[in-house]
Full PDB file with SEQRES, HELIX, SHEET, SSBOND, CRYST1, ORIGX, SCALE, CONECT and MASTER records, all heavy atoms in Angstrom:
SEQRES   1 A   38  ASN TRP ILE ALA ASP ARG ALA GLY MET ALA ALA ILE LEU          
SEQRES   2 A   38  VAL THR SER ARG TYR PRO ILE GLN GLU VAL VAL THR ASN          
SEQRES   3 A   38  ARG TYR GLU GLY PHE VAL VAL THR LYS ILE ASN GLY              
SHEET    1 AA1 2 TRP A   2  ALA A   4  0                                        
SHEET    2 AA1 2 ALA A  11  LEU A  13 -1                                        
SHEET    1 AA2 2 ILE A  20  THR A  25  0                                        
SHEET    2 AA2 2 VAL A  33  ILE A  36 -1                                        
CRYST1    1.000    1.000    1.000  90.00  90.00  90.00 P 1           1          
ORIGX1      1.000000  0.000000  0.000000        0.00000                         
ORIGX2      0.000000  1.000000  0.000000        0.00000                         
ORIGX3      0.000000  0.000000  1.000000        0.00000                         
SCALE1      1.000000  0.000000  0.000000        0.00000                         
SCALE2      0.000000  1.000000  0.000000        0.00000                         
SCALE3      0.000000  0.000000  1.000000        0.00000                         
ATOM      1  N   ASN A   1     -15.688   4.245  12.625  1.00  0.00           N  
ATOM      2  CA  ASN A   1     -15.562   2.846  12.250  1.00  0.00           C  
ATOM      3  C   ASN A   1     -14.146   2.358  12.470  1.00  0.00           C  
ATOM      4  O   ASN A   1     -13.826   1.173  12.232  1.00  0.00           O  
ATOM      5  CB  ASN A   1     -16.011   2.642  10.824  1.00  0.00           C  
ATOM      6  CG  ASN A   1     -17.469   2.790  10.641  1.00  0.00           C  
ATOM      7  OD1 ASN A   1     -18.227   2.679  11.559  1.00  0.00           O  
ATOM      8  ND2 ASN A   1     -17.888   3.138   9.427  1.00  0.00           N  
ATOM      9  N   TRP A   2     -13.260   3.201  12.892  1.00  0.00           N  
ATOM     10  CA  TRP A   2     -11.826   2.825  13.139  1.00  0.00           C  
ATOM     11  C   TRP A   2     -11.572   2.827  14.594  1.00  0.00           C  
ATOM     12  O   TRP A   2     -12.083   3.554  15.372  1.00  0.00           O  
ATOM     13  CB  TRP A   2     -10.866   3.868  12.506  1.00  0.00           C  
ATOM     14  CG  TRP A   2     -10.644   3.737  11.021  1.00  0.00           C  
ATOM     15  CD1 TRP A   2     -11.335   4.337  10.039  1.00  0.00           C  
ATOM     16  CD2 TRP A   2      -9.567   3.108  10.378  1.00  0.00           C  
ATOM     17  NE1 TRP A   2     -10.797   4.078   8.840  1.00  0.00           N  
ATOM     18  CE2 TRP A   2      -9.644   3.317   9.052  1.00  0.00           C  
ATOM     19  CE3 TRP A   2      -8.472   2.347  10.863  1.00  0.00           C  
ATOM     20  CZ2 TRP A   2      -8.767   2.808   8.078  1.00  0.00           C  
ATOM     21  CZ3 TRP A   2      -7.575   1.849   9.976  1.00  0.00           C  
ATOM     22  CH2 TRP A   2      -7.747   2.038   8.570  1.00  0.00           C  
ATOM     23  N   ILE A   3     -10.651   1.944  14.992  1.00  0.00           N  
ATOM     24  CA  ILE A   3     -10.111   1.975  16.348  1.00  0.00           C  
ATOM     25  C   ILE A   3      -8.618   1.546  16.252  1.00  0.00           C  
ATOM     26  O   ILE A   3      -8.285   0.574  15.462  1.00  0.00           O  
ATOM     27  CB  ILE A   3     -10.869   1.139  17.333  1.00  0.00           C  
ATOM     28  CG1 ILE A   3     -10.416   1.309  18.712  1.00  0.00           C  
ATOM     29  CG2 ILE A   3     -10.851  -0.372  16.945  1.00  0.00           C  
ATOM     30  CD1 ILE A   3     -10.692   2.721  19.284  1.00  0.00           C  
ATOM     31  N   ALA A   4      -7.700   2.176  16.951  1.00  0.00           N  
ATOM     32  CA  ALA A   4      -6.281   1.812  16.829  1.00  0.00           C  
ATOM     33  C   ALA A   4      -5.675   1.904  18.233  1.00  0.00           C  
ATOM     34  O   ALA A   4      -6.201   2.410  19.216  1.00  0.00           O  
ATOM     35  CB  ALA A   4      -5.608   2.875  15.936  1.00  0.00           C  
ATOM     36  N   ASP A   5      -4.451   1.286  18.290  1.00  0.00           N  
ATOM     37  CA  ASP A   5      -3.697   1.267  19.535  1.00  0.00           C  
ATOM     38  C   ASP A   5      -3.080   2.639  19.815  1.00  0.00           C  
ATOM     39  O   ASP A   5      -3.260   3.569  18.997  1.00  0.00           O  
ATOM     40  CB  ASP A   5      -2.598   0.179  19.467  1.00  0.00           C  
ATOM     41  CG  ASP A   5      -1.467   0.558  18.600  1.00  0.00           C  
ATOM     42  OD1 ASP A   5      -1.704   1.202  17.545  1.00  0.00           O  
ATOM     43  OD2 ASP A   5      -0.323   0.260  18.884  1.00  0.00           O  
ATOM     44  N   ARG A   6      -2.476   2.786  20.874  1.00  0.00           N  
ATOM     45  CA  ARG A   6      -1.962   4.081  21.345  1.00  0.00           C  
ATOM     46  C   ARG A   6      -1.016   4.693  20.336  1.00  0.00           C  
ATOM     47  O   ARG A   6      -0.948   5.857  20.131  1.00  0.00           O  
ATOM     48  CB  ARG A   6      -1.284   3.973  22.735  1.00  0.00           C  
ATOM     49  CG  ARG A   6      -0.847   5.303  23.344  1.00  0.00           C  
ATOM     50  CD  ARG A   6      -0.255   5.050  24.718  1.00  0.00           C  
ATOM     51  NE  ARG A   6       1.032   4.285  24.683  1.00  0.00           N  
ATOM     52  CZ  ARG A   6       1.620   3.817  25.789  1.00  0.00           C  
ATOM     53  NH1 ARG A   6       1.057   3.990  26.962  1.00  0.00           N  
ATOM     54  NH2 ARG A   6       2.753   3.197  25.648  1.00  0.00           N  
ATOM     55  N   ALA A   7      -0.211   3.828  19.726  1.00  0.00           N  
ATOM     56  CA  ALA A   7       0.796   4.338  18.817  1.00  0.00           C  
ATOM     57  C   ALA A   7       0.434   4.398  17.361  1.00  0.00           C  
ATOM     58  O   ALA A   7       1.180   4.740  16.497  1.00  0.00           O  
ATOM     59  CB  ALA A   7       2.106   3.512  18.988  1.00  0.00           C  
ATOM     60  N   GLY A   8      -0.831   3.892  17.063  1.00  0.00           N  
ATOM     61  CA  GLY A   8      -1.309   3.883  15.663  1.00  0.00           C  
ATOM     62  C   GLY A   8      -0.613   2.825  14.855  1.00  0.00           C  
ATOM     63  O   GLY A   8      -0.532   2.888  13.630  1.00  0.00           O  
ATOM     64  N   MET A   9      -0.092   1.760  15.494  1.00  0.00           N  
ATOM     65  CA  MET A   9       0.587   0.681  14.823  1.00  0.00           C  
ATOM     66  C   MET A   9      -0.373  -0.496  14.427  1.00  0.00           C  
ATOM     67  O   MET A   9      -0.080  -1.236  13.430  1.00  0.00           O  
ATOM     68  CB  MET A   9       1.757   0.135  15.613  1.00  0.00           C  
ATOM     69  CG  MET A   9       2.798   1.131  15.951  1.00  0.00           C  
ATOM     70  SD  MET A   9       4.333   0.389  16.670  1.00  0.00           S  
ATOM     71  CE  MET A   9       3.591  -0.370  18.157  1.00  0.00           C  
ATOM     72  N   ALA A  10      -1.386  -0.679  15.172  1.00  0.00           N  
ATOM     73  CA  ALA A  10      -2.371  -1.707  14.907  1.00  0.00           C  
ATOM     74  C   ALA A  10      -3.809  -1.130  14.924  1.00  0.00           C  
ATOM     75  O   ALA A  10      -4.053  -0.253  15.779  1.00  0.00           O  
ATOM     76  CB  ALA A  10      -2.277  -2.792  15.897  1.00  0.00           C  
ATOM     77  N   ALA A  11      -4.644  -1.533  14.009  1.00  0.00           N  
ATOM     78  CA  ALA A  11      -5.988  -0.924  13.836  1.00  0.00           C  
ATOM     79  C   ALA A  11      -6.950  -1.932  13.490  1.00  0.00           C  
ATOM     80  O   ALA A  11      -6.626  -2.995  12.919  1.00  0.00           O  
ATOM     81  CB  ALA A  11      -5.920   0.181  12.873  1.00  0.00           C  
ATOM     82  N   ILE A  12      -8.240  -1.636  13.729  1.00  0.00           N  
ATOM     83  CA  ILE A  12      -9.363  -2.462  13.313  1.00  0.00           C  
ATOM     84  C   ILE A  12     -10.418  -1.536  12.665  1.00  0.00           C  
ATOM     85  O   ILE A  12     -10.699  -0.400  13.138  1.00  0.00           O  
ATOM     86  CB  ILE A  12     -10.010  -3.149  14.516  1.00  0.00           C  
ATOM     87  CG1 ILE A  12      -9.078  -4.153  15.157  1.00  0.00           C  
ATOM     88  CG2 ILE A  12     -11.297  -3.864  14.076  1.00  0.00           C  
ATOM     89  CD1 ILE A  12      -9.521  -4.737  16.441  1.00  0.00           C  
ATOM     90  N   LEU A  13     -10.879  -1.976  11.474  1.00  0.00           N  
ATOM     91  CA  LEU A  13     -11.881  -1.220  10.736  1.00  0.00           C  
ATOM     92  C   LEU A  13     -13.106  -2.023  10.524  1.00  0.00           C  
ATOM     93  O   LEU A  13     -13.024  -3.213  10.048  1.00  0.00           O  
ATOM     94  CB  LEU A  13     -11.291  -0.811   9.378  1.00  0.00           C  
ATOM     95  CG  LEU A  13     -12.238  -0.239   8.312  1.00  0.00           C  
ATOM     96  CD1 LEU A  13     -12.856   1.111   8.725  1.00  0.00           C  
ATOM     97  CD2 LEU A  13     -11.545  -0.142   6.934  1.00  0.00           C  
ATOM     98  N   VAL A  14     -14.307  -1.539  10.895  1.00  0.00           N  
ATOM     99  CA  VAL A  14     -15.552  -2.239  10.546  1.00  0.00           C  
ATOM    100  C   VAL A  14     -16.133  -1.555   9.301  1.00  0.00           C  
ATOM    101  O   VAL A  14     -16.086  -0.370   9.165  1.00  0.00           O  
ATOM    102  CB  VAL A  14     -16.541  -2.205  11.748  1.00  0.00           C  
ATOM    103  CG1 VAL A  14     -16.053  -3.050  12.858  1.00  0.00           C  
ATOM    104  CG2 VAL A  14     -16.831  -0.796  12.215  1.00  0.00           C  
ATOM    105  N   THR A  15     -16.619  -2.374   8.361  1.00  0.00           N  
ATOM    106  CA  THR A  15     -16.976  -1.868   7.129  1.00  0.00           C  
ATOM    107  C   THR A  15     -18.447  -1.966   6.729  1.00  0.00           C  
ATOM    108  O   THR A  15     -18.903  -1.305   5.761  1.00  0.00           O  
ATOM    109  CB  THR A  15     -16.170  -2.621   5.980  1.00  0.00           C  
ATOM    110  OG1 THR A  15     -16.544  -3.985   6.006  1.00  0.00           O  
ATOM    111  CG2 THR A  15     -14.694  -2.503   6.250  1.00  0.00           C  
ATOM    112  N   SER A  16     -19.213  -2.806   7.404  1.00  0.00           N  
ATOM    113  CA  SER A  16     -20.571  -2.928   6.884  1.00  0.00           C  
ATOM    114  C   SER A  16     -21.563  -3.315   8.013  1.00  0.00           C  
ATOM    115  O   SER A  16     -21.973  -2.427   8.796  1.00  0.00           O  
ATOM    116  CB  SER A  16     -20.623  -4.014   5.819  1.00  0.00           C  
ATOM    117  OG  SER A  16     -20.182  -5.272   6.297  1.00  0.00           O  
ATOM    118  N   ARG A  17     -21.885  -4.587   8.100  1.00  0.00           N  
ATOM    119  CA  ARG A  17     -23.051  -4.967   8.913  1.00  0.00           C  
ATOM    120  C   ARG A  17     -22.896  -4.773  10.434  1.00  0.00           C  
ATOM    121  O   ARG A  17     -23.830  -4.512  11.130  1.00  0.00           O  
ATOM    122  CB  ARG A  17     -23.412  -6.430   8.629  1.00  0.00           C  
ATOM    123  CG  ARG A  17     -23.852  -6.723   7.223  1.00  0.00           C  
ATOM    124  CD  ARG A  17     -24.141  -8.240   7.092  1.00  0.00           C  
ATOM    125  NE  ARG A  17     -22.888  -8.987   7.159  1.00  0.00           N  
ATOM    126  CZ  ARG A  17     -22.819 -10.301   7.197  1.00  0.00           C  
ATOM    127  NH1 ARG A  17     -23.945 -11.005   7.214  1.00  0.00           N  
ATOM    128  NH2 ARG A  17     -21.682 -10.919   7.261  1.00  0.00           N  
ATOM    129  N   TYR A  18     -21.658  -5.032  10.932  1.00  0.00           N  
ATOM    130  CA  TYR A  18     -21.452  -5.108  12.362  1.00  0.00           C  
ATOM    131  C   TYR A  18     -20.684  -3.929  12.873  1.00  0.00           C  
ATOM    132  O   TYR A  18     -19.549  -3.729  12.518  1.00  0.00           O  
ATOM    133  CB  TYR A  18     -20.742  -6.403  12.685  1.00  0.00           C  
ATOM    134  CG  TYR A  18     -21.403  -7.591  12.138  1.00  0.00           C  
ATOM    135  CD1 TYR A  18     -20.836  -8.327  11.075  1.00  0.00           C  
ATOM    136  CD2 TYR A  18     -22.676  -8.036  12.596  1.00  0.00           C  
ATOM    137  CE1 TYR A  18     -21.412  -9.498  10.580  1.00  0.00           C  
ATOM    138  CE2 TYR A  18     -23.271  -9.178  12.077  1.00  0.00           C  
ATOM    139  CZ  TYR A  18     -22.673  -9.874  11.021  1.00  0.00           C  
ATOM    140  OH  TYR A  18     -23.307 -10.959  10.522  1.00  0.00           O  
ATOM    141  N   PRO A  19     -21.300  -3.174  13.752  1.00  0.00           N  
ATOM    142  CA  PRO A  19     -20.579  -2.020  14.355  1.00  0.00           C  
ATOM    143  C   PRO A  19     -19.700  -2.407  15.499  1.00  0.00           C  
ATOM    144  O   PRO A  19     -19.719  -3.627  15.970  1.00  0.00           O  
ATOM    145  CB  PRO A  19     -21.735  -1.107  14.890  1.00  0.00           C  
ATOM    146  CG  PRO A  19     -22.795  -2.128  15.233  1.00  0.00           C  
ATOM    147  CD  PRO A  19     -22.678  -3.185  14.230  1.00  0.00           C  
ATOM    148  N   ILE A  20     -18.842  -1.488  15.977  1.00  0.00           N  
ATOM    149  CA  ILE A  20     -18.006  -1.765  17.163  1.00  0.00           C  
ATOM    150  C   ILE A  20     -18.922  -1.738  18.356  1.00  0.00           C  
ATOM    151  O   ILE A  20     -19.484  -0.649  18.699  1.00  0.00           O  
ATOM    152  CB  ILE A  20     -16.872  -0.746  17.247  1.00  0.00           C  
ATOM    153  CG1 ILE A  20     -15.896  -0.964  16.024  1.00  0.00           C  
ATOM    154  CG2 ILE A  20     -16.093  -0.911  18.556  1.00  0.00           C  
ATOM    155  CD1 ILE A  20     -14.828   0.086  15.959  1.00  0.00           C  
ATOM    156  N   GLN A  21     -19.049  -2.821  19.061  1.00  0.00           N  
ATOM    157  CA  GLN A  21     -19.934  -2.823  20.244  1.00  0.00           C  
ATOM    158  C   GLN A  21     -19.242  -2.253  21.444  1.00  0.00           C  
ATOM    159  O   GLN A  21     -19.887  -1.641  22.294  1.00  0.00           O  
ATOM    160  CB  GLN A  21     -20.390  -4.295  20.514  1.00  0.00           C  
ATOM    161  CG  GLN A  21     -21.249  -4.914  19.452  1.00  0.00           C  
ATOM    162  CD  GLN A  21     -21.530  -6.372  19.710  1.00  0.00           C  
ATOM    163  OE1 GLN A  21     -20.600  -7.241  19.607  1.00  0.00           O  
ATOM    164  NE2 GLN A  21     -22.729  -6.701  20.056  1.00  0.00           N  
ATOM    165  N   GLU A  22     -17.966  -2.579  21.559  1.00  0.00           N  
ATOM    166  CA  GLU A  22     -17.179  -2.143  22.760  1.00  0.00           C  
ATOM    167  C   GLU A  22     -15.732  -2.024  22.420  1.00  0.00           C  
ATOM    168  O   GLU A  22     -15.153  -2.880  21.716  1.00  0.00           O  
ATOM    169  CB  GLU A  22     -17.417  -3.177  23.860  1.00  0.00           C  
ATOM    170  CG  GLU A  22     -16.590  -2.953  25.111  1.00  0.00           C  
ATOM    171  CD  GLU A  22     -16.613  -4.175  26.054  1.00  0.00           C  
ATOM    172  OE1 GLU A  22     -17.386  -5.063  25.824  1.00  0.00           O  
ATOM    173  OE2 GLU A  22     -15.818  -4.124  27.031  1.00  0.00           O  
ATOM    174  N   VAL A  23     -15.095  -0.897  22.896  1.00  0.00           N  
ATOM    175  CA  VAL A  23     -13.641  -0.793  22.792  1.00  0.00           C  
ATOM    176  C   VAL A  23     -13.089  -1.372  24.089  1.00  0.00           C  
ATOM    177  O   VAL A  23     -13.171  -0.791  25.126  1.00  0.00           O  
ATOM    178  CB  VAL A  23     -13.218   0.635  22.601  1.00  0.00           C  
ATOM    179  CG1 VAL A  23     -11.680   0.751  22.547  1.00  0.00           C  
ATOM    180  CG2 VAL A  23     -13.805   1.247  21.318  1.00  0.00           C  
ATOM    181  N   VAL A  24     -12.521  -2.625  24.009  1.00  0.00           N  
ATOM    182  CA  VAL A  24     -12.024  -3.287  25.221  1.00  0.00           C  
ATOM    183  C   VAL A  24     -10.773  -2.547  25.682  1.00  0.00           C  
ATOM    184  O   VAL A  24     -10.661  -2.201  26.868  1.00  0.00           O  
ATOM    185  CB  VAL A  24     -11.697  -4.734  24.881  1.00  0.00           C  
ATOM    186  CG1 VAL A  24     -11.107  -5.426  26.115  1.00  0.00           C  
ATOM    187  CG2 VAL A  24     -13.019  -5.458  24.443  1.00  0.00           C  
ATOM    188  N   THR A  25      -9.831  -2.317  24.782  1.00  0.00           N  
ATOM    189  CA  THR A  25      -8.594  -1.537  25.148  1.00  0.00           C  
ATOM    190  C   THR A  25      -7.920  -1.044  23.893  1.00  0.00           C  
ATOM    191  O   THR A  25      -7.814  -1.708  22.905  1.00  0.00           O  
ATOM    192  CB  THR A  25      -7.629  -2.382  25.980  1.00  0.00           C  
ATOM    193  OG1 THR A  25      -6.512  -1.613  26.314  1.00  0.00           O  
ATOM    194  CG2 THR A  25      -7.077  -3.533  25.144  1.00  0.00           C  
ATOM    195  N   ASN A  26      -7.478   0.244  23.992  1.00  0.00           N  
ATOM    196  CA  ASN A  26      -6.589   0.818  22.971  1.00  0.00           C  
ATOM    197  C   ASN A  26      -5.478   1.657  23.600  1.00  0.00           C  
ATOM    198  O   ASN A  26      -4.924   2.558  23.020  1.00  0.00           O  
ATOM    199  CB  ASN A  26      -7.446   1.614  21.963  1.00  0.00           C  
ATOM    200  CG  ASN A  26      -8.106   2.812  22.664  1.00  0.00           C  
ATOM    201  OD1 ASN A  26      -8.197   2.885  23.901  1.00  0.00           O  
ATOM    202  ND2 ASN A  26      -8.641   3.757  21.949  1.00  0.00           N  
ATOM    203  N   ARG A  27      -5.162   1.336  24.866  1.00  0.00           N  
ATOM    204  CA  ARG A  27      -4.213   2.146  25.594  1.00  0.00           C  
ATOM    205  C   ARG A  27      -2.795   1.588  25.580  1.00  0.00           C  
ATOM    206  O   ARG A  27      -1.884   2.234  26.130  1.00  0.00           O  
ATOM    207  CB  ARG A  27      -4.681   2.290  27.060  1.00  0.00           C  
ATOM    208  CG  ARG A  27      -4.789   0.952  27.802  1.00  0.00           C  
ATOM    209  CD  ARG A  27      -5.528   1.156  29.131  1.00  0.00           C  
ATOM    210  NE  ARG A  27      -5.735  -0.051  29.903  1.00  0.00           N  
ATOM    211  CZ  ARG A  27      -4.919  -0.450  30.867  1.00  0.00           C  
ATOM    212  NH1 ARG A  27      -3.839   0.244  31.122  1.00  0.00           N  
ATOM    213  NH2 ARG A  27      -5.168  -1.586  31.486  1.00  0.00           N  
ATOM    214  N   TYR A  28      -2.576   0.402  24.959  1.00  0.00           N  
ATOM    215  CA  TYR A  28      -1.236  -0.118  24.872  1.00  0.00           C  
ATOM    216  C   TYR A  28      -0.636   0.066  23.499  1.00  0.00           C  
ATOM    217  O   TYR A  28      -1.336   0.473  22.536  1.00  0.00           O  
ATOM    218  CB  TYR A  28      -1.269  -1.632  25.090  1.00  0.00           C  
ATOM    219  CG  TYR A  28      -1.779  -1.981  26.507  1.00  0.00           C  
ATOM    220  CD1 TYR A  28      -3.092  -2.509  26.668  1.00  0.00           C  
ATOM    221  CD2 TYR A  28      -0.963  -1.876  27.655  1.00  0.00           C  
ATOM    222  CE1 TYR A  28      -3.576  -2.844  27.906  1.00  0.00           C  
ATOM    223  CE2 TYR A  28      -1.434  -2.284  28.891  1.00  0.00           C  
ATOM    224  CZ  TYR A  28      -2.714  -2.750  29.050  1.00  0.00           C  
ATOM    225  OH  TYR A  28      -3.173  -3.090  30.287  1.00  0.00           O  
ATOM    226  N   GLU A  29       0.685  -0.158  23.365  1.00  0.00           N  
ATOM    227  CA  GLU A  29       1.337  -0.130  22.101  1.00  0.00           C  
ATOM    228  C   GLU A  29       1.413  -1.543  21.543  1.00  0.00           C  
ATOM    229  O   GLU A  29       1.773  -2.453  22.261  1.00  0.00           O  
ATOM    230  CB  GLU A  29       2.723   0.483  22.224  1.00  0.00           C  
ATOM    231  CG  GLU A  29       2.794   1.942  22.413  1.00  0.00           C  
ATOM    232  CD  GLU A  29       4.191   2.502  22.302  1.00  0.00           C  
ATOM    233  OE1 GLU A  29       5.071   1.749  21.858  1.00  0.00           O  
ATOM    234  OE2 GLU A  29       4.399   3.675  22.669  1.00  0.00           O  
ATOM    235  N   GLY A  30       1.040  -1.689  20.261  1.00  0.00           N  
ATOM    236  CA  GLY A  30       1.209  -2.979  19.612  1.00  0.00           C  
ATOM    237  C   GLY A  30      -0.066  -3.759  19.439  1.00  0.00           C  
ATOM    238  O   GLY A  30      -0.099  -4.707  18.621  1.00  0.00           O  
ATOM    239  N   PHE A  31      -1.133  -3.441  20.127  1.00  0.00           N  
ATOM    240  CA  PHE A  31      -2.394  -4.203  19.940  1.00  0.00           C  
ATOM    241  C   PHE A  31      -3.606  -3.360  20.380  1.00  0.00           C  
ATOM    242  O   PHE A  31      -3.445  -2.494  21.248  1.00  0.00           O  
ATOM    243  CB  PHE A  31      -2.373  -5.512  20.643  1.00  0.00           C  
ATOM    244  CG  PHE A  31      -2.506  -5.464  22.180  1.00  0.00           C  
ATOM    245  CD1 PHE A  31      -3.740  -5.560  22.789  1.00  0.00           C  
ATOM    246  CD2 PHE A  31      -1.376  -5.301  22.983  1.00  0.00           C  
ATOM    247  CE1 PHE A  31      -3.842  -5.466  24.130  1.00  0.00           C  
ATOM    248  CE2 PHE A  31      -1.447  -5.205  24.299  1.00  0.00           C  
ATOM    249  CZ  PHE A  31      -2.721  -5.267  24.922  1.00  0.00           C  
ATOM    250  N   VAL A  32      -4.729  -3.678  19.795  1.00  0.00           N  
ATOM    251  CA  VAL A  32      -5.984  -3.084  20.091  1.00  0.00           C  
ATOM    252  C   VAL A  32      -7.026  -4.178  20.119  1.00  0.00           C  
ATOM    253  O   VAL A  32      -6.988  -5.094  19.288  1.00  0.00           O  
ATOM    254  CB  VAL A  32      -6.353  -1.959  19.096  1.00  0.00           C  
ATOM    255  CG1 VAL A  32      -6.444  -2.429  17.669  1.00  0.00           C  
ATOM    256  CG2 VAL A  32      -7.711  -1.288  19.512  1.00  0.00           C  
ATOM    257  N   VAL A  33      -8.004  -4.080  21.055  1.00  0.00           N  
ATOM    258  CA  VAL A  33      -9.062  -5.125  21.149  1.00  0.00           C  
ATOM    259  C   VAL A  33     -10.418  -4.470  21.178  1.00  0.00           C  
ATOM    260  O   VAL A  33     -10.606  -3.488  21.879  1.00  0.00           O  
ATOM    261  CB  VAL A  33      -8.878  -5.949  22.483  1.00  0.00           C  
ATOM    262  CG1 VAL A  33      -9.942  -7.023  22.523  1.00  0.00           C  
ATOM    263  CG2 VAL A  33      -7.458  -6.501  22.565  1.00  0.00           C  
ATOM    264  N   THR A  34     -11.286  -4.954  20.332  1.00  0.00           N  
ATOM    265  CA  THR A  34     -12.692  -4.481  20.301  1.00  0.00           C  
ATOM    266  C   THR A  34     -13.637  -5.662  20.292  1.00  0.00           C  
ATOM    267  O   THR A  34     -13.253  -6.822  20.048  1.00  0.00           O  
ATOM    268  CB  THR A  34     -13.003  -3.643  19.028  1.00  0.00           C  
ATOM    269  OG1 THR A  34     -12.853  -4.533  17.886  1.00  0.00           O  
ATOM    270  CG2 THR A  34     -12.052  -2.469  18.871  1.00  0.00           C  
ATOM    271  N   LYS A  35     -14.893  -5.414  20.607  1.00  0.00           N  
ATOM    272  CA  LYS A  35     -15.918  -6.479  20.572  1.00  0.00           C  
ATOM    273  C   LYS A  35     -16.842  -6.127  19.336  1.00  0.00           C  
ATOM    274  O   LYS A  35     -17.412  -5.079  19.249  1.00  0.00           O  
ATOM    275  CB  LYS A  35     -16.699  -6.513  21.841  1.00  0.00           C  
ATOM    276  CG  LYS A  35     -17.751  -7.590  21.827  1.00  0.00           C  
ATOM    277  CD  LYS A  35     -18.533  -7.559  23.226  1.00  0.00           C  
ATOM    278  CE  LYS A  35     -19.587  -8.662  23.275  1.00  0.00           C  
ATOM    279  NZ  LYS A  35     -20.338  -8.541  24.581  1.00  0.00           N  
ATOM    280  N   ILE A  36     -16.989  -7.063  18.405  1.00  0.00           N  
ATOM    281  CA  ILE A  36     -17.739  -6.908  17.233  1.00  0.00           C  
ATOM    282  C   ILE A  36     -18.567  -8.158  17.025  1.00  0.00           C  
ATOM    283  O   ILE A  36     -18.032  -9.253  16.885  1.00  0.00           O  
ATOM    284  CB  ILE A  36     -16.818  -6.662  16.013  1.00  0.00           C  
ATOM    285  CG1 ILE A  36     -15.904  -5.453  16.178  1.00  0.00           C  
ATOM    286  CG2 ILE A  36     -17.636  -6.553  14.699  1.00  0.00           C  
ATOM    287  CD1 ILE A  36     -14.860  -5.369  15.178  1.00  0.00           C  
ATOM    288  N   ASN A  37     -19.920  -8.038  16.949  1.00  0.00           N  
ATOM    289  CA  ASN A  37     -20.802  -9.115  16.768  1.00  0.00           C  
ATOM    290  C   ASN A  37     -20.597 -10.228  17.731  1.00  0.00           C  
ATOM    291  O   ASN A  37     -20.629 -11.442  17.389  1.00  0.00           O  
ATOM    292  CB  ASN A  37     -20.652  -9.680  15.286  1.00  0.00           C  
ATOM    293  CG  ASN A  37     -21.682 -10.697  14.987  1.00  0.00           C  
ATOM    294  OD1 ASN A  37     -22.824 -10.658  15.390  1.00  0.00           O  
ATOM    295  ND2 ASN A  37     -21.299 -11.640  14.132  1.00  0.00           N  
ATOM    296  N   GLY A  38     -20.258  -9.894  18.989  1.00  0.00           N  
ATOM    297  CA  GLY A  38     -20.126 -10.836  20.048  1.00  0.00           C  
ATOM    298  C   GLY A  38     -18.690 -11.466  20.038  1.00  0.00           C  
ATOM    299  O   GLY A  38     -18.446 -12.373  20.854  1.00  0.00           O  
TER     300      GLY A  38                                                      
MASTER        0    0    0    0    4    0    0    6  299    1    0    3          
END                                                                             
């Protein structure tokens, strides 16, 4: 339910109804992008 950037500085946690549909990118430092509920 967790996804984070390469350096572990930014993260996203899904907690209930909506799972992570797609990990768009987590290969950079400073940001992470996922697709959740469209």
